[in-house]
């Protein structure tokens, strides 16, 4: 995907103990030119479409049979996905199947050559941007990567879009009044990381360029 949305589970965000830890999932996204986006804390409804799919998968696949081995699951799972894409009509799609709405869209996929670029050991930090949506608390601050940052009490109760640039090592706060308004940059701060970011592989530039058209900044 161009943007990968996550909740704030420790496995995704790098944990809830140490400051400024960039976890392996986020590192993999950045390495492949995908920009991670973290939803506001304690707002699972932001993942409604994902959780609805999980519920359907549980009822229609996982709970309907006994799987003997991992390979058994791997053989059967594509059939469920195929039926979902072709036959299921999610309420949010107004009577269309996912396959109908994806007609003509060519997804960018990892080729074998690109997969072989991914290190087998610990992933490096790659140049890119990490996006974090947070609601400003009563003290005028937001929390991300186990640190509190002052935005200003003027924005109390408002949602702020925070952008971590791993190459420039900066943190920028953005806001807009509604979906039709332009983004307004509130402030930028240094965001020092314990390691520098390597450049993005040229093979992944296409994904990054298309992603940047959709996000603030």
Protein backbone atom coordinates (compact mmCIF):
# COMPACT_ATOMS: atom_id res chain seq x y z
CA UNK A 1 0.00 0.00 0.00
CA UNK A 2 0.98 3.64 -0.25
CA UNK A 3 -0.04 4.22 3.38
CA UNK A 4 -0.33 1.51 6.06
CA UNK A 5 -2.68 2.28 8.96
CA UNK A 6 -1.99 0.83 12.41
CA UNK A 7 -3.45 1.00 15.88
CA UNK A 8 -1.09 1.65 18.79
CA UNK A 9 -0.34 -1.95 19.73
CA UNK A 10 3.20 -2.26 21.06
CA UNK A 11 4.20 -4.69 18.31
CA UNK A 12 3.51 -1.97 15.75
CA UNK A 13 4.65 1.20 17.49
CA UNK A 14 7.87 -0.17 19.02
CA UNK A 15 6.64 -0.72 22.56
CA UNK A 16 5.31 1.34 25.45
CA UNK A 17 8.46 1.65 27.56
CA UNK A 18 11.39 3.32 25.84
CA UNK A 19 11.31 6.62 24.01
CA UNK A 20 11.75 7.01 20.26
CA UNK A 21 11.97 3.31 19.45
CA UNK A 22 11.21 2.60 15.79
CA UNK A 23 9.94 -0.99 15.71
CA UNK A 24 10.54 -3.64 13.08
CA UNK A 25 7.10 -3.31 11.46
CA UNK A 26 7.58 0.42 10.94
CA UNK A 27 11.13 -0.14 9.70
CA UNK A 28 9.84 -2.63 7.13
CA UNK A 29 7.24 -0.13 5.93
CA UNK A 30 9.82 2.62 5.53
CA UNK A 31 12.28 0.27 3.83
CA UNK A 32 9.61 -0.51 1.19
CA UNK A 33 8.55 3.10 0.65
CA UNK A 34 5.32 2.75 2.65
CA UNK A 35 4.38 5.47 5.14
CA UNK A 36 2.96 4.20 8.46
CA UNK A 37 -0.06 5.99 9.92
CA UNK A 38 -1.05 5.53 13.58
CA UNK A 39 -4.65 6.26 14.56
CA UNK A 40 -5.52 8.18 17.76
CA UNK A 41 -5.09 6.24 20.99
CA UNK A 42 -8.14 4.52 22.49
CA UNK A 43 -10.26 5.03 19.36
CA UNK A 44 -10.63 1.51 17.90
CA UNK A 45 -13.57 2.70 15.79
CA UNK A 46 -10.99 4.25 13.48
CA UNK A 47 -10.16 0.69 12.43
CA UNK A 48 -13.79 -0.27 11.86
CA UNK A 49 -13.30 -1.63 8.35
CA UNK A 50 -10.33 -3.74 9.43
CA UNK A 51 -12.04 -5.10 12.54
CA UNK A 52 -15.20 -5.88 10.56
CA UNK A 53 -13.13 -7.95 8.15
CA UNK A 54 -11.47 -9.76 11.08
CA UNK A 55 -14.90 -10.65 12.47
CA UNK A 56 -16.06 -11.98 9.11
CA UNK A 57 -12.85 -14.01 8.73
CA UNK A 58 -13.37 -15.52 12.18
CA UNK A 59 -16.98 -16.54 11.46
CA UNK A 60 -16.58 -17.54 7.84
CA UNK A 61 -13.19 -19.21 7.91
CA UNK A 62 -11.34 -19.80 11.18
CA UNK A 63 -14.28 -21.14 13.23
CA UNK A 64 -15.79 -23.32 10.52
CA UNK A 65 -13.16 -26.03 10.30
CA UNK A 66 -10.30 -27.69 12.14
CA UNK A 67 -6.88 -26.95 10.66
CA UNK A 68 -4.32 -29.69 11.08
CA UNK A 69 -1.14 -27.78 10.18
CA UNK A 70 0.08 -24.35 9.18
CA UNK A 71 0.32 -25.46 5.57
CA UNK A 72 -3.36 -26.49 5.75
CA UNK A 73 -4.25 -22.91 6.75
CA UNK A 74 -2.04 -21.51 3.99
CA UNK A 75 -3.79 -23.66 1.37
CA UNK A 76 -7.30 -22.72 2.48
CA UNK A 77 -6.88 -19.03 3.29
CA UNK A 78 -6.53 -17.83 -0.34
CA UNK A 79 -9.92 -19.41 -1.14
CA UNK A 80 -11.59 -17.32 1.55
CA UNK A 81 -9.88 -14.16 0.30
CA UNK A 82 -10.90 -14.95 -3.27
CA UNK A 83 -14.53 -15.42 -2.29
CA UNK A 84 -14.46 -12.25 -0.20
CA UNK A 85 -13.09 -10.20 -3.07
CA UNK A 86 -15.46 -11.62 -5.67
CA UNK A 87 -18.74 -12.38 -3.89
CA UNK A 88 -19.02 -10.46 -0.61
CA UNK A 89 -20.77 -7.09 -0.55
CA UNK A 90 -19.45 -5.04 2.40
CA UNK A 91 -22.07 -2.57 3.65
CA UNK A 92 -19.67 0.32 3.10
CA UNK A 93 -19.38 -0.42 -0.63
CA UNK A 94 -23.05 0.23 -1.54
CA UNK A 95 -23.75 -3.17 -3.06
CA UNK A 96 -20.41 -3.60 -4.83
CA UNK A 97 -17.86 -6.31 -4.21
CA UNK A 98 -14.24 -5.36 -3.43
CA UNK A 99 -13.20 -6.79 -6.80
CA UNK A 100 -15.64 -4.52 -8.63
CA UNK A 101 -14.28 -1.40 -7.00
CA UNK A 102 -10.68 -2.50 -7.58
CA UNK A 103 -11.26 -3.05 -11.32
CA UNK A 104 -8.56 -1.26 -13.28
CA UNK A 105 -6.43 -0.57 -10.20
CA UNK A 106 -2.96 -2.07 -10.41
CA UNK A 107 -1.51 -2.61 -6.97
CA UNK A 108 2.23 -2.20 -6.53
CA UNK A 109 3.54 -5.52 -5.25
CA UNK A 110 6.91 -6.73 -4.09
CA UNK A 111 8.67 -8.66 -6.81
CA UNK A 112 11.12 -11.40 -5.93
CA UNK A 113 13.98 -9.01 -6.72
CA UNK A 114 12.58 -6.41 -4.31
CA UNK A 115 11.95 -9.01 -1.61
CA UNK A 116 15.58 -10.05 -1.83
CA UNK A 117 16.64 -6.49 -0.95
CA UNK A 118 15.02 -6.78 2.49
CA UNK A 119 17.70 -7.74 5.05
CA UNK A 120 17.21 -11.03 6.86
CA UNK A 121 18.56 -9.53 10.10
CA UNK A 122 17.52 -6.35 11.91
CA UNK A 123 16.17 -3.80 9.48
CA UNK A 124 17.93 -0.45 9.18
CA UNK A 125 16.13 2.85 9.62
CA UNK A 126 15.19 4.21 6.20
CA UNK A 127 14.47 7.77 5.12
CA UNK A 128 10.75 8.41 5.17
CA UNK A 129 7.87 9.75 7.21
CA UNK A 130 5.86 8.30 10.09
CA UNK A 131 2.40 9.78 10.70
CA UNK A 132 0.70 9.87 14.10
CA UNK A 133 -2.78 11.31 14.75
CA UNK A 134 -3.35 12.47 18.31
CA UNK A 135 -5.98 14.43 20.23
CA UNK A 136 -4.58 17.37 22.20
CA UNK A 137 -5.13 16.84 25.94
CA UNK A 138 -6.13 19.34 28.64
CA UNK A 139 -2.49 20.38 29.08
CA UNK A 140 -2.12 21.21 25.40
CA UNK A 141 0.13 18.22 24.71
CA UNK A 142 0.13 15.08 22.60
CA UNK A 143 1.97 11.82 23.26
CA UNK A 144 3.88 9.80 20.70
CA UNK A 145 6.67 7.24 20.98
CA UNK A 146 6.42 7.49 24.79
CA UNK A 147 7.05 11.25 24.93
CA UNK A 148 4.78 14.23 25.53
CA UNK A 149 5.01 17.21 23.19
CA UNK A 150 3.52 20.65 23.70
CA UNK A 151 1.23 21.81 20.92
CA UNK A 152 -0.58 24.60 22.76
CA UNK A 153 -3.77 24.87 24.79
CA UNK A 154 -5.34 26.72 21.88
CA UNK A 155 -5.72 23.31 20.25
CA UNK A 156 -7.22 21.54 23.27
CA UNK A 157 -9.56 18.78 22.10
CA UNK A 158 -8.46 19.10 18.47
CA UNK A 159 -6.87 16.29 16.44
CA UNK A 160 -3.30 16.97 15.38
CA UNK A 161 -1.44 15.19 12.58
CA UNK A 162 2.17 14.65 13.63
CA UNK A 163 4.84 13.82 11.04
CA UNK A 164 8.21 12.32 11.99
CA UNK A 165 10.77 12.73 9.21
CA UNK A 166 13.44 10.09 9.84
CA UNK A 167 15.99 11.62 7.43
CA UNK A 168 15.71 15.23 8.62
CA UNK A 169 15.03 14.01 12.18
CA UNK A 170 12.22 16.48 12.71
CA UNK A 171 8.71 16.35 14.16
CA UNK A 172 6.09 18.59 12.56
CA UNK A 173 2.54 19.21 13.77
CA UNK A 174 -0.27 19.88 11.29
CA UNK A 175 -3.94 20.77 11.66
CA UNK A 176 -6.92 21.46 9.44
CA UNK A 177 -10.40 22.56 10.40
CA UNK A 178 -12.20 19.97 8.28
CA UNK A 179 -11.72 17.60 5.36
CA UNK A 180 -12.16 20.41 2.82
CA UNK A 181 -9.67 22.81 4.43
CA UNK A 182 -5.98 23.10 3.64
CA UNK A 183 -3.41 21.75 6.08
CA UNK A 184 -1.88 24.36 8.41
CA UNK A 185 1.56 23.77 9.89
CA UNK A 186 1.53 24.58 13.59
CA UNK A 187 5.17 24.04 14.56
CA UNK A 188 8.24 21.90 13.93
CA UNK A 189 10.74 20.49 16.43
CA UNK A 190 14.03 18.57 16.21
CA UNK A 191 13.47 14.84 16.72
CA UNK A 192 16.84 13.22 17.27
CA UNK A 193 17.02 9.48 16.76
CA UNK A 194 19.80 7.16 17.98
CA UNK A 195 20.72 6.29 14.39
CA UNK A 196 20.76 8.00 11.02
CA UNK A 197 18.43 6.94 8.23
CA UNK A 198 19.73 5.29 5.10
CA UNK A 199 18.38 6.50 1.72
CA UNK A 200 15.38 4.74 0.22
CA UNK A 201 16.29 2.17 -2.42
CA UNK A 202 15.59 3.59 -5.92
CA UNK A 203 13.40 0.56 -6.63
CA UNK A 204 10.90 1.81 -4.04
CA UNK A 205 10.71 5.47 -5.12
CA UNK A 206 7.53 5.00 -7.15
CA UNK A 207 5.54 4.00 -4.09
CA UNK A 208 6.85 6.90 -2.00
CA UNK A 209 6.04 9.49 -4.67
CA UNK A 210 2.42 8.37 -4.99
CA UNK A 211 2.05 8.28 -1.21
CA UNK A 212 3.24 11.86 -0.74
CA UNK A 213 0.34 13.24 -2.78
CA UNK A 214 -2.12 12.15 -0.08
CA UNK A 215 -0.60 13.40 3.16
CA UNK A 216 0.04 16.79 4.81
CA UNK A 217 3.23 18.58 3.97
